[in-house]
Amino acid sequence: MEALQIVVALGVALLVGSVVARRTGIASPITLVVAGLALALVPQLRGIELPAEAVLVLFLPILLFWEALTSSGRLLRRFFRGILLSGILLVVVTAAAIAWVAHLLGLPWETAWIIGAALAPTDATAVAALGRDLPSRTAGVLKSESLINDGTALVLYALALSLTTHEEAITPGHVTVLFSVSFFGGLAVGLAGGWLLFQIRRRLTDPLLNAVFIVLTPFILYLVAEEMGASGVLAVVACGLLWVRMSPLVVNAQSRQHATPFFTLTTFLLNGALFVLIGLELPIAVGGLSAASIGTGMLVTVAVYVAMTAVRFAFLVTSAYLIRFLDRRPHQRTLRTTNRARVVSTVAGFRGAVSLAVALSVPLAADGVGVWPHRDMIVFVVAGVVVTSIVLQGLALPAVVRWARLPQDTSAEDELALARRVASREAFDALPSLARELGIASEVIDDVTAEIRTHLEQIDPEDEEFRTRVADAHSQYRALRVAVIGHKRATVVRLRNEGTIDDAVLRQVQASLDLEEVRLTGSGAVE
């Protein structure tokens, strides 16, 4: 019963905190942390802590897998060099700077490196929640960066833990080998394992079984990679990026209609639960610190936050000008941006769920160490920086975006209109050959031709009258419509593969086509 009480309490806190956030306009992470603090006042819930190893395993695989599945492959390729620098080198530099500052203020190196590893990566979910005013290019680059930097940071975290328990001296060469095995091994496991698992997935035509398999996939890859000494997080991310490319024409519409709402709800619950858990654990962390330690923790929190923000801006500016000096190709010039835009990227570099998961995953005890040294300080500082980041940067971001005067980005809307228009036109042109292949009666062809012509004139995917007439038509009519939808889907995927439209546009058009196909075939309900 105690476990059920905890689950219910977390759910209620998540619901109340989210409602308060929407009613007041306060950032939801803040209200969720406050809701967790309120739970800590309940006597039955005081002192509750999840097993440390469960936090990373239960939360991160599914969260990062969904982020990878909803990422932009085209944008990742276009800005690959900058994203790679920010996702790897910036993480290492930020972790080192944070560790150095924390050590200067009295924390041992082992503790300082764990704090640095936890706070080095930005959080894509926080960007999505707080950065709605960001141009699509900036938001997409930040999201792509977070997919890589999460894996880098967790490799650093594993190395930092080994500093505390390792019996041998860890040399730079040793660290380099461990980092390389973990990083590149994780990518290899994710790509190879992702391809093998996809061959199974494509044969699961039942939407419910397909959804179950998708949920299992990140956990399978995470466990396999970790058992091999590689990064489970990078394996999950690599698999997600691979599936983005492979799945549009292989996975059926019903399976996507089942999986998308489930992942949306699941990631919402997991992200929210992490912030509630931080609020629940903060009193425990504070209770384990002396008055002097709390003062030190507050000082470290402020100093680390300043260092973290300054290092990010300095790195973005330095790396941009270095690339500009070394690469003067005309194509590279089209990717350039301004220092004002880099200020926006700095302010939008929120810390969030991944940092919290790392802090909560620090073991309560270590073999040969007893109680893990300074664990309460780690939780206190990381939670303080995350909350500060979300509050200060979240409040400042709209004003900074206006100050930056970034050019209006309508590329997503333009590409969406292009995808719908080209898909409908090519489907219209292909209608006679599709009808001959299916043996469709001429009167049905005339009906569908008239409706597609009307659709081309309006380009309105929300036309319920159009959808209703299609759904109620004759079986031949439905067969032809499904074939037309399939042709539209293939056209949109081709536009994505050619780089004409972005993955986000592909998913938006595909969702519309999936909904239309599900309504036509009547197979959207779970049997």
Protein backbone atom coordinates (compact mmCIF):
# COMPACT_ATOMS: atom_id res chain seq x y z
CA MET A 1 0.00 0.00 0.00
CA GLU A 2 2.88 2.38 0.66
CA ALA A 3 4.02 2.16 -2.96
CA LEU A 4 0.49 2.91 -4.16
CA GLN A 5 0.30 5.89 -1.83
CA ILE A 6 3.53 7.26 -3.27
CA VAL A 7 2.30 6.85 -6.85
CA VAL A 8 -1.02 8.55 -6.06
CA ALA A 9 0.73 11.37 -4.18
CA LEU A 10 3.11 11.99 -7.08
CA GLY A 11 0.21 11.97 -9.54
CA VAL A 12 -1.84 14.43 -7.50
CA ALA A 13 1.17 16.73 -7.04
CA LEU A 14 1.88 16.60 -10.78
CA LEU A 15 -1.73 17.38 -11.65
CA VAL A 16 -2.10 20.23 -9.16
CA GLY A 17 1.28 21.74 -10.05
CA SER A 18 0.48 21.64 -13.78
CA VAL A 19 -2.96 23.21 -13.28
CA VAL A 20 -1.50 26.01 -11.14
CA ALA A 21 1.17 26.64 -13.77
CA ARG A 22 -1.40 27.01 -16.55
CA ARG A 23 -3.70 29.20 -14.47
CA THR A 24 -0.96 31.53 -13.21
CA GLY A 25 1.49 31.53 -16.11
CA ILE A 26 4.32 30.41 -13.82
CA ALA A 27 6.76 27.94 -15.38
CA SER A 28 5.48 24.44 -14.61
CA PRO A 29 8.85 23.15 -13.28
CA ILE A 30 8.63 25.75 -10.49
CA THR A 31 5.11 24.81 -9.46
CA LEU A 32 6.01 21.12 -9.59
CA VAL A 33 9.02 21.60 -7.31
CA VAL A 34 6.77 23.53 -4.90
CA ALA A 35 4.22 20.69 -5.09
CA GLY A 36 7.01 18.27 -4.17
CA LEU A 37 7.96 20.45 -1.20
CA ALA A 38 4.32 20.36 -0.11
CA LEU A 39 4.36 16.55 -0.28
CA ALA A 40 7.42 16.54 1.99
CA LEU A 41 5.23 18.08 4.70
CA VAL A 42 3.10 14.92 4.82
CA PRO A 43 4.54 12.71 7.59
CA GLN A 44 4.00 9.46 5.66
CA LEU A 45 5.97 10.78 2.69
CA ARG A 46 8.98 12.21 4.52
CA GLY A 47 12.26 10.52 3.76
CA ILE A 48 11.00 8.70 0.67
CA GLU A 49 13.69 8.17 -1.95
CA LEU A 50 13.71 6.15 -5.14
CA PRO A 51 16.56 3.64 -5.53
CA ALA A 52 19.32 5.73 -7.06
CA GLU A 53 19.97 3.39 -9.97
CA ALA A 54 16.27 3.33 -10.83
CA VAL A 55 16.14 7.04 -11.65
CA LEU A 56 18.37 6.86 -14.71
CA VAL A 57 16.98 3.54 -15.92
CA LEU A 58 13.30 4.41 -15.48
CA PHE A 59 13.32 8.01 -16.65
CA LEU A 60 16.03 8.77 -19.18
CA PRO A 61 15.69 5.98 -21.80
CA ILE A 62 12.07 6.68 -22.62
CA LEU A 63 12.46 10.48 -22.42
CA LEU A 64 15.48 10.66 -24.69
CA PHE A 65 14.11 8.07 -27.10
CA TRP A 66 11.01 10.17 -27.71
CA GLU A 67 13.10 13.32 -28.10
CA ALA A 68 15.18 11.53 -30.74
CA LEU A 69 12.07 10.22 -32.53
CA THR A 70 10.68 13.76 -32.79
CA SER A 71 13.95 15.43 -33.83
CA SER A 72 14.89 16.96 -37.19
CA GLY A 73 17.34 14.86 -39.16
CA ARG A 74 17.79 17.55 -41.80
CA LEU A 75 18.63 20.23 -39.26
CA LEU A 76 21.04 17.87 -37.49
CA ARG A 77 22.86 17.28 -40.77
CA ARG A 78 22.86 20.94 -41.78
CA PHE A 79 24.35 22.19 -38.50
CA PHE A 80 26.20 18.98 -37.67
CA ARG A 81 29.56 20.58 -36.95
CA GLY A 82 28.20 23.20 -34.56
CA ILE A 83 25.86 20.73 -32.88
CA LEU A 84 28.68 18.24 -32.45
CA LEU A 85 30.95 20.88 -30.92
CA SER A 86 28.22 21.99 -28.52
CA GLY A 87 27.11 18.44 -27.77
CA ILE A 88 30.58 17.13 -26.93
CA LEU A 89 33.29 19.76 -26.47
CA LEU A 90 31.04 22.36 -24.81
CA VAL A 91 29.81 19.74 -22.35
CA VAL A 92 33.36 18.80 -21.37
CA VAL A 93 34.41 22.47 -21.06
CA THR A 94 31.29 23.35 -19.04
CA ALA A 95 31.70 20.38 -16.71
CA ALA A 96 35.35 21.26 -16.16
CA ALA A 97 34.56 24.93 -15.47
CA ILE A 98 31.80 24.02 -13.01
CA ALA A 99 34.03 21.49 -11.29
CA TRP A 100 36.84 24.03 -11.02
CA VAL A 101 34.55 26.70 -9.51
CA ALA A 102 32.97 24.23 -7.07
CA HIS A 103 36.40 22.98 -6.01
CA LEU A 104 37.64 26.53 -5.45
CA LEU A 105 34.72 27.00 -3.05
CA GLY A 106 35.71 23.99 -0.98
CA LEU A 107 34.10 20.91 -2.55
CA PRO A 108 36.29 17.87 -3.26
CA TRP A 109 37.09 17.14 -6.91
CA GLU A 110 34.92 13.99 -7.01
CA THR A 111 31.83 15.92 -5.86
CA ALA A 112 32.67 18.89 -8.06
CA TRP A 113 32.94 16.72 -11.19
CA ILE A 114 29.60 15.03 -10.50
CA ILE A 115 27.95 18.46 -10.19
CA GLY A 116 29.69 19.53 -13.40
CA ALA A 117 28.56 16.44 -15.30
CA ALA A 118 24.98 16.88 -14.08
CA LEU A 119 24.72 20.55 -15.05
CA ALA A 120 26.69 20.49 -18.31
CA PRO A 121 23.84 19.40 -20.66
CA THR A 122 20.93 21.57 -21.72
CA ASP A 123 17.40 20.17 -21.62
CA ALA A 124 15.27 19.83 -24.77
CA THR A 125 12.01 19.46 -22.87
CA ALA A 126 12.56 22.70 -20.98
CA VAL A 127 13.32 24.43 -24.29
CA ALA A 128 10.06 23.13 -25.75
CA ALA A 129 8.09 24.25 -22.69
CA LEU A 130 9.68 27.67 -22.16
CA GLY A 131 10.97 28.58 -25.61
CA ARG A 132 7.77 28.87 -27.61
CA ASP A 133 8.85 32.28 -28.95
CA LEU A 134 12.10 30.91 -30.35
CA PRO A 135 12.61 30.74 -34.12
CA SER A 136 12.32 27.18 -35.39
CA ARG A 137 16.01 27.08 -36.37
CA THR A 138 17.19 28.07 -32.86
CA ALA A 139 14.79 25.69 -31.14
CA GLY A 140 15.72 22.83 -33.47
CA VAL A 141 19.46 23.32 -32.98
CA LEU A 142 19.05 23.40 -29.20
CA LYS A 143 17.00 20.23 -29.27
CA SER A 144 19.53 18.44 -31.48
CA GLU A 145 22.35 19.61 -29.23
CA SER A 146 20.60 18.23 -26.16
CA LEU A 147 20.33 14.77 -27.71
CA ILE A 148 24.11 14.56 -28.00
CA ASN A 149 25.11 16.44 -24.87
CA ASP A 150 22.98 14.22 -22.63
CA GLY A 151 25.02 11.22 -23.67
CA THR A 152 28.31 13.09 -23.27
CA ALA A 153 27.36 14.32 -19.81
CA LEU A 154 26.36 10.86 -18.61
CA VAL A 155 29.68 9.44 -19.79
CA LEU A 156 31.40 12.15 -17.72
CA TYR A 157 29.11 11.30 -14.80
CA ALA A 158 30.14 7.64 -14.93
CA LEU A 159 33.80 8.69 -14.96
CA ALA A 160 33.21 11.03 -12.01
CA LEU A 161 31.66 8.20 -10.00
CA SER A 162 34.68 6.04 -10.76
CA LEU A 163 36.92 8.77 -9.30
CA THR A 164 35.36 8.08 -5.93
CA THR A 165 35.45 4.28 -5.97
CA HIS A 166 38.32 3.40 -8.31
CA GLU A 167 41.22 1.80 -6.56
CA GLU A 168 43.73 2.66 -9.27
CA ALA A 169 44.91 6.08 -10.26
CA ILE A 170 42.97 7.32 -13.26
CA THR A 171 45.34 8.70 -15.87
CA PRO A 172 44.38 10.94 -18.82
CA GLY A 173 44.98 8.00 -21.14
CA HIS A 174 42.71 5.80 -19.07
CA VAL A 175 39.98 8.42 -19.10
CA THR A 176 40.31 8.83 -22.87
CA VAL A 177 39.92 5.08 -23.43
CA LEU A 178 36.91 4.85 -21.12
CA PHE A 179 35.29 7.86 -22.76
CA SER A 180 35.88 6.55 -26.29
CA VAL A 181 34.55 3.08 -25.48
CA SER A 182 31.48 4.50 -23.79
CA PHE A 183 30.75 7.14 -26.44
CA PHE A 184 31.45 5.29 -29.68
CA GLY A 185 30.33 1.97 -28.23
CA GLY A 186 26.97 3.51 -27.38
CA LEU A 187 26.57 4.82 -30.92
CA ALA A 188 27.48 1.42 -32.38
CA VAL A 189 25.05 -0.46 -30.14
CA GLY A 190 22.29 2.04 -30.93
CA LEU A 191 22.73 1.85 -34.70
CA ALA A 192 23.24 -1.92 -34.96
CA GLY A 193 20.67 -2.80 -32.31
CA GLY A 194 18.23 -0.22 -33.63
CA TRP A 195 18.41 -1.71 -37.13
CA LEU A 196 17.85 -5.25 -35.84
CA LEU A 197 14.96 -4.22 -33.61
CA PHE A 198 13.38 -2.30 -36.47
CA GLN A 199 13.27 -5.48 -38.54
CA ILE A 200 11.09 -6.95 -35.81
CA ARG A 201 8.98 -3.83 -35.47
CA ARG A 202 8.12 -3.68 -39.16
CA ARG A 203 6.58 -7.16 -38.89
CA LEU A 204 4.32 -6.23 -35.97
CA THR A 205 1.23 -5.04 -37.79
CA ASP A 206 -0.98 -5.03 -34.70
CA PRO A 207 -0.96 -1.39 -33.46
CA LEU A 208 -1.07 -2.34 -29.79
CA LEU A 209 1.81 -4.81 -30.05
CA ASN A 210 3.77 -2.29 -32.08
CA ALA A 211 3.32 0.32 -29.36
CA VAL A 212 4.46 -2.14 -26.69
CA PHE A 213 7.55 -2.94 -28.73
CA ILE A 214 8.40 0.76 -29.11
CA VAL A 215 8.21 1.19 -25.34
CA LEU A 216 10.52 -1.78 -24.77
CA THR A 217 13.09 -0.72 -27.36
CA PRO A 218 14.90 2.07 -25.43
CA PHE A 219 15.14 -0.07 -22.29
CA ILE A 220 16.52 -3.05 -24.24
CA LEU A 221 19.18 -0.94 -25.92
CA TYR A 222 20.04 0.89 -22.71
CA LEU A 223 20.59 -2.36 -20.80
CA VAL A 224 22.57 -4.00 -23.61
CA ALA A 225 24.87 -0.99 -23.99
CA GLU A 226 25.45 -0.65 -20.26
CA GLU A 227 26.26 -4.34 -19.93
CA MET A 228 28.89 -3.89 -22.66
CA GLY A 229 30.44 -0.89 -20.91
CA ALA A 230 29.03 1.56 -23.46
CA SER A 231 26.71 4.52 -23.00
CA GLY A 232 23.09 3.39 -22.80
CA VAL A 233 21.85 6.93 -23.36
CA LEU A 234 23.78 7.33 -26.62
CA ALA A 235 22.53 3.93 -27.77
CA VAL A 236 18.94 5.05 -27.21
CA VAL A 237 19.49 8.37 -29.00
CA ALA A 238 21.26 6.74 -31.97
CA CYS A 239 18.41 4.25 -32.36
CA GLY A 240 15.81 7.02 -32.26
CA LEU A 241 17.62 9.04 -34.94
CA LEU A 242 17.88 5.91 -37.11
CA TRP A 243 14.18 5.15 -36.74
CA VAL A 244 13.27 8.71 -37.72
CA ARG A 245 14.73 7.94 -41.13
CA MET A 246 13.42 4.40 -41.55
CA SER A 247 9.89 4.37 -40.19
CA PRO A 248 7.63 6.75 -42.21
CA LEU A 249 6.86 4.34 -45.08
CA VAL A 250 7.17 1.12 -43.07
CA VAL A 251 5.10 1.67 -39.93
CA ASN A 252 1.35 1.78 -40.56
CA ALA A 253 -0.91 4.67 -39.68
CA GLN A 254 -2.76 2.82 -36.91
CA SER A 255 0.49 2.08 -35.08
CA ARG A 256 1.50 5.73 -35.11
CA GLN A 257 -1.96 6.75 -33.92
CA HIS A 258 -1.54 4.46 -30.92
CA ALA A 259 2.07 5.32 -30.10
CA THR A 260 2.05 9.12 -30.33
CA PRO A 261 -0.58 9.88 -27.65
CA PHE A 262 0.98 7.28 -25.34
CA PHE A 263 4.46 8.79 -25.61
CA THR A 264 3.10 12.31 -25.21
CA LEU A 265 1.39 11.37 -21.95
CA THR A 266 4.28 9.24 -20.69
CA THR A 267 6.96 11.87 -21.26
CA PHE A 268 4.74 14.50 -19.64
CA LEU A 269 4.33 12.32 -16.54
CA LEU A 270 8.02 11.38 -16.30
CA ASN A 271 9.29 14.93 -16.74
CA GLY A 272 6.83 16.25 -14.21
CA ALA A 273 7.59 13.47 -11.74
CA LEU A 274 11.29 14.38 -11.78
CA PHE A 275 10.56 17.93 -10.66
CA VAL A 276 8.15 16.72 -8.00
CA LEU A 277 10.80 14.29 -6.74
CA ILE A 278 13.34 17.10 -6.49
CA GLY A 279 10.91 19.05 -4.32
CA LEU A 280 10.34 15.91 -2.24
CA GLU A 281 14.08 15.31 -1.82
CA LEU A 282 15.20 18.88 -1.14
CA PRO A 283 14.21 18.78 2.56
CA ILE A 284 16.16 15.51 2.88
CA ALA A 285 19.20 17.11 1.27
CA VAL A 286 18.93 20.25 3.39
CA GLY A 287 18.41 18.16 6.50
CA GLY A 288 21.68 16.38 5.81
CA LEU A 289 23.61 19.67 5.61
CA SER A 290 24.83 21.77 8.49
CA ALA A 291 24.10 25.49 8.63
CA ALA A 292 27.60 26.23 7.33
CA SER A 293 27.17 23.68 4.53
CA ILE A 294 23.89 25.29 3.46
CA GLY A 295 25.66 28.63 3.19
CA THR A 296 28.42 27.00 1.13
CA GLY A 297 25.82 25.27 -1.02
CA MET A 298 24.06 28.55 -1.79
CA LEU A 299 27.35 30.20 -2.66
CA VAL A 300 28.34 27.27 -4.89
CA THR A 301 24.92 27.37 -6.58
CA VAL A 302 25.27 31.06 -7.51
CA ALA A 303 28.89 30.73 -8.62
CA VAL A 304 28.23 27.60 -10.67
CA TYR A 305 25.23 29.19 -12.38
CA VAL A 306 27.24 32.26 -13.37
CA ALA A 307 30.15 30.14 -14.61
CA MET A 308 27.83 27.80 -16.53
CA THR A 309 26.12 30.67 -18.35
CA ALA A 310 29.33 32.59 -19.09
CA VAL A 311 31.11 29.53 -20.45
CA ARG A 312 28.22 28.73 -22.79
CA PHE A 313 28.15 32.20 -24.33
CA ALA A 314 31.95 32.40 -24.60
CA PHE A 315 32.10 28.98 -26.26
CA LEU A 316 29.35 29.77 -28.78
CA VAL A 317 31.07 33.01 -29.82
CA THR A 318 34.59 31.54 -29.93
CA SER A 319 33.63 28.41 -31.87
CA ALA A 320 31.58 30.43 -34.38
CA TYR A 321 34.42 32.82 -35.20
CA LEU A 322 36.92 29.97 -35.35
CA ILE A 323 34.73 28.11 -37.86
CA ARG A 324 34.23 31.35 -39.79
CA PHE A 325 38.02 31.83 -39.98
CA LEU A 326 38.73 28.25 -41.06
CA ASP A 327 35.78 27.66 -43.41
CA ARG A 328 34.98 30.36 -45.94
CA ARG A 329 32.84 28.28 -48.31
CA PRO A 330 29.73 30.04 -49.66
CA HIS A 331 27.50 27.36 -48.12
CA GLN A 332 29.01 27.95 -44.70
CA ARG A 333 28.22 31.65 -44.94
CA THR A 334 24.51 30.87 -45.24
CA LEU A 335 24.63 29.20 -41.81
CA ARG A 336 26.11 32.16 -40.00
CA THR A 337 24.22 34.03 -37.33
CA THR A 338 24.77 37.04 -35.06
CA ASN A 339 26.07 37.46 -31.53
CA ARG A 340 22.58 38.56 -30.53
CA ALA A 341 21.31 35.16 -31.69
CA ARG A 342 24.03 33.54 -29.58
CA VAL A 343 22.77 35.44 -26.56
CA VAL A 344 19.35 33.95 -27.27
CA SER A 345 20.89 30.46 -27.50
CA THR A 346 22.67 31.06 -24.20
CA VAL A 347 19.53 32.19 -22.40
CA ALA A 348 17.55 29.32 -23.95
CA GLY A 349 20.09 26.77 -22.69
CA PHE A 350 17.92 25.68 -19.78
CA ARG A 351 18.91 22.92 -17.39
CA GLY A 352 16.17 20.46 -16.53
CA ALA A 353 15.10 16.87 -16.20
CA VAL A 354 18.39 15.21 -17.19
CA SER A 355 20.34 17.21 -14.62
CA LEU A 356 17.80 16.30 -11.95
CA ALA A 357 17.92 12.63 -12.91
CA VAL A 358 21.71 12.60 -12.62
CA ALA A 359 21.62 14.24 -9.19
CA LEU A 360 18.96 11.84 -7.91
CA SER A 361 20.85 8.86 -9.32
CA VAL A 362 23.96 9.47 -7.18
CA PRO A 363 24.12 6.33 -5.01
CA LEU A 364 23.06 6.57 -1.40
CA ALA A 365 26.17 4.55 -0.54
CA ALA A 366 29.22 3.18 -2.33
CA ASP A 367 31.22 0.03 -1.85
CA GLY A 368 34.09 0.80 0.46
CA VAL A 369 32.88 4.37 0.97
CA GLY A 370 29.81 3.97 3.15
CA VAL A 371 27.43 6.89 2.78
CA TRP A 372 28.18 8.58 -0.54
CA PRO A 373 30.23 11.70 0.24
CA HIS A 374 28.45 15.01 -0.26
CA ARG A 375 25.38 13.47 -1.95
CA ASP A 376 23.11 15.97 -0.19
CA MET A 377 25.30 18.83 -1.42
CA ILE A 378 25.10 17.49 -4.99
CA VAL A 379 21.28 17.33 -4.90
CA PHE A 380 21.08 20.78 -3.28
CA VAL A 381 23.37 22.53 -5.79
CA VAL A 382 21.98 20.82 -8.90
CA ALA A 383 18.38 21.47 -7.90
CA GLY A 384 19.23 25.09 -7.06
CA VAL A 385 20.89 25.71 -10.42
CA VAL A 386 18.05 24.01 -12.35
CA VAL A 387 15.39 26.08 -10.58
CA THR A 388 17.43 29.27 -11.01
CA SER A 389 17.96 28.50 -14.69
CA ILE A 390 14.28 27.94 -15.33
CA VAL A 391 13.10 30.96 -13.34
CA LEU A 392 15.64 33.58 -14.45
CA GLN A 393 16.14 32.43 -18.03
CA GLY A 394 12.49 31.52 -18.52
CA LEU A 395 11.39 35.00 -17.47
CA ALA A 396 14.13 36.72 -19.47
CA LEU A 397 13.83 34.74 -22.71
CA PRO A 398 10.85 36.57 -24.31
CA ALA A 399 12.50 39.94 -23.73
CA VAL A 400 15.85 38.66 -25.04
CA VAL A 401 14.20 37.28 -28.18
CA ARG A 402 12.60 40.69 -28.84
CA TRP A 403 15.92 42.45 -28.16
CA ALA A 404 17.78 40.15 -30.54
CA ARG A 405 15.51 41.18 -33.44
CA LEU A 406 15.92 37.82 -35.09
CA PRO A 407 14.46 37.59 -38.60
CA GLN A 408 11.00 36.09 -38.74
CA ASP A 409 11.22 32.39 -39.54
CA THR A 410 8.30 31.17 -41.65
CA SER A 411 10.12 28.20 -43.15
CA ALA A 412 8.03 25.62 -41.27
CA GLU A 413 4.74 27.13 -42.45
CA ASP A 414 6.04 27.52 -46.00
CA GLU A 415 7.30 23.93 -46.14
CA LEU A 416 4.03 22.65 -44.68
CA ALA A 417 2.03 24.38 -47.41
CA LEU A 418 4.49 23.11 -50.03
CA ALA A 419 4.28 19.51 -48.77
CA ARG A 420 0.47 19.49 -48.82
CA ARG A 421 0.28 21.14 -52.22
CA VAL A 422 2.84 18.89 -53.93
CA ALA A 423 1.46 15.73 -52.31
CA SER A 424 -2.08 16.53 -53.44
CA ARG A 425 -1.02 17.46 -56.98
CA GLU A 426 1.08 14.34 -57.48
CA ALA A 427 -1.67 12.17 -56.01
CA PHE A 428 -4.12 13.81 -58.42
CA ASP A 429 -1.81 13.04 -61.36
CA ALA A 430 -1.36 9.44 -60.18
CA LEU A 431 -5.10 8.84 -59.71
CA PRO A 432 -5.78 7.18 -63.10
CA SER A 433 -2.95 4.64 -62.74
CA LEU A 434 -3.90 3.88 -59.13
CA ALA A 435 -7.52 3.34 -60.19
CA ARG A 436 -6.49 0.94 -62.97
CA GLU A 437 -4.33 -1.09 -60.56
CA LEU A 438 -7.24 -1.44 -58.14
CA GLY A 439 -9.94 -1.96 -60.78
CA ILE A 440 -12.02 0.98 -59.56
CA ALA A 441 -15.30 1.87 -61.27
CA SER A 442 -15.31 5.04 -63.38
CA GLU A 443 -18.02 6.78 -61.32
CA VAL A 444 -15.95 6.33 -58.17
CA ILE A 445 -12.93 7.78 -59.98
CA ASP A 446 -14.98 10.83 -60.91
CA ASP A 447 -16.06 11.33 -57.28
CA VAL A 448 -12.53 11.09 -55.95
CA THR A 449 -11.19 13.31 -58.74
CA ALA A 450 -13.70 16.03 -57.86
CA GLU A 451 -12.90 15.80 -54.17
CA ILE A 452 -9.13 15.97 -54.67
CA ARG A 453 -9.62 18.94 -56.97
CA THR A 454 -11.63 20.65 -54.25
CA HIS A 455 -8.97 19.72 -51.73
CA LEU A 456 -6.29 21.22 -53.96
CA GLU A 457 -8.24 24.46 -54.13
CA GLN A 458 -8.72 24.68 -50.38
CA ILE A 459 -5.70 22.76 -48.96
CA ASP A 460 -7.58 22.42 -45.70
CA PRO A 461 -6.76 19.15 -43.87
CA GLU A 462 -9.32 19.97 -41.18
CA ASP A 463 -12.28 19.87 -43.62
CA GLU A 464 -14.54 17.52 -41.63
CA GLU A 465 -17.19 17.38 -44.38
CA PHE A 466 -14.55 16.17 -46.81
CA ARG A 467 -13.36 13.53 -44.35
CA THR A 468 -16.88 12.38 -43.49
CA ARG A 469 -17.83 11.88 -47.13
CA VAL A 470 -14.68 9.86 -47.68
CA ALA A 471 -15.25 7.71 -44.58
CA ASP A 472 -18.84 6.89 -45.61
CA ALA A 473 -18.06 6.03 -49.23
CA HIS A 474 -18.20 2.68 -50.97
CA SER A 475 -15.47 0.08 -50.28
CA GLN A 476 -13.94 0.77 -53.71
CA TYR A 477 -13.92 4.43 -52.88
CA ARG A 478 -12.11 3.73 -49.59
CA ALA A 479 -9.56 1.51 -51.30
CA LEU A 480 -8.76 4.23 -53.81
CA ARG A 481 -8.54 6.90 -51.13
CA VAL A 482 -6.13 4.76 -49.09
CA ALA A 483 -3.98 4.31 -52.20
CA VAL A 484 -4.02 8.09 -52.77
CA ILE A 485 -2.97 8.65 -49.15
CA GLY A 486 -0.15 6.16 -49.59
CA HIS A 487 1.05 8.07 -52.64
CA LYS A 488 0.88 11.35 -50.74
CA ARG A 489 2.89 9.82 -47.90
CA ALA A 490 5.56 8.56 -50.30
CA THR A 491 5.76 12.00 -51.91
CA VAL A 492 6.21 13.78 -48.59
CA VAL A 493 8.89 11.29 -47.51
CA ARG A 494 10.67 11.88 -50.83
CA LEU A 495 10.60 15.62 -50.19
CA ARG A 496 12.11 14.96 -46.74
CA ASN A 497 14.79 12.67 -48.18
CA GLU A 498 15.69 15.32 -50.77
CA GLY A 499 16.06 17.91 -48.01
CA THR A 500 13.21 20.05 -49.37
CA ILE A 501 11.18 19.85 -46.15
CA ASP A 502 12.09 19.19 -42.53
CA ASP A 503 11.28 16.12 -40.45
CA ALA A 504 8.93 18.20 -38.33
CA VAL A 505 6.94 19.10 -41.45
CA LEU A 506 6.95 15.46 -42.50
CA ARG A 507 5.51 14.43 -39.14
CA GLN A 508 2.82 17.12 -39.30
CA VAL A 509 1.63 16.11 -42.77
CA GLN A 510 1.99 12.42 -41.90
CA ALA A 511 -0.17 12.85 -38.80
CA SER A 512 -2.88 14.40 -40.95
CA LEU A 513 -2.65 11.57 -43.48
CA ASP A 514 -2.60 8.96 -40.71
CA LEU A 515 -5.75 10.40 -39.19
CA GLU A 516 -7.45 10.37 -42.57
CA GLU A 517 -6.39 6.78 -43.22
CA VAL A 518 -7.56 5.60 -39.80
CA ARG A 519 -10.95 7.22 -40.36
CA LEU A 520 -11.25 5.66 -43.80
CA THR A 521 -10.36 2.14 -42.71
CA GLY A 522 -12.19 2.31 -39.38
CA SER A 523 -9.28 0.57 -37.62
CA GLY A 524 -8.37 3.23 -35.10
CA ALA A 525 -9.93 1.52 -32.08
CA VAL A 526 -8.10 -1.08 -30.04
CA GLU A 527 -9.68 -4.49 -30.47
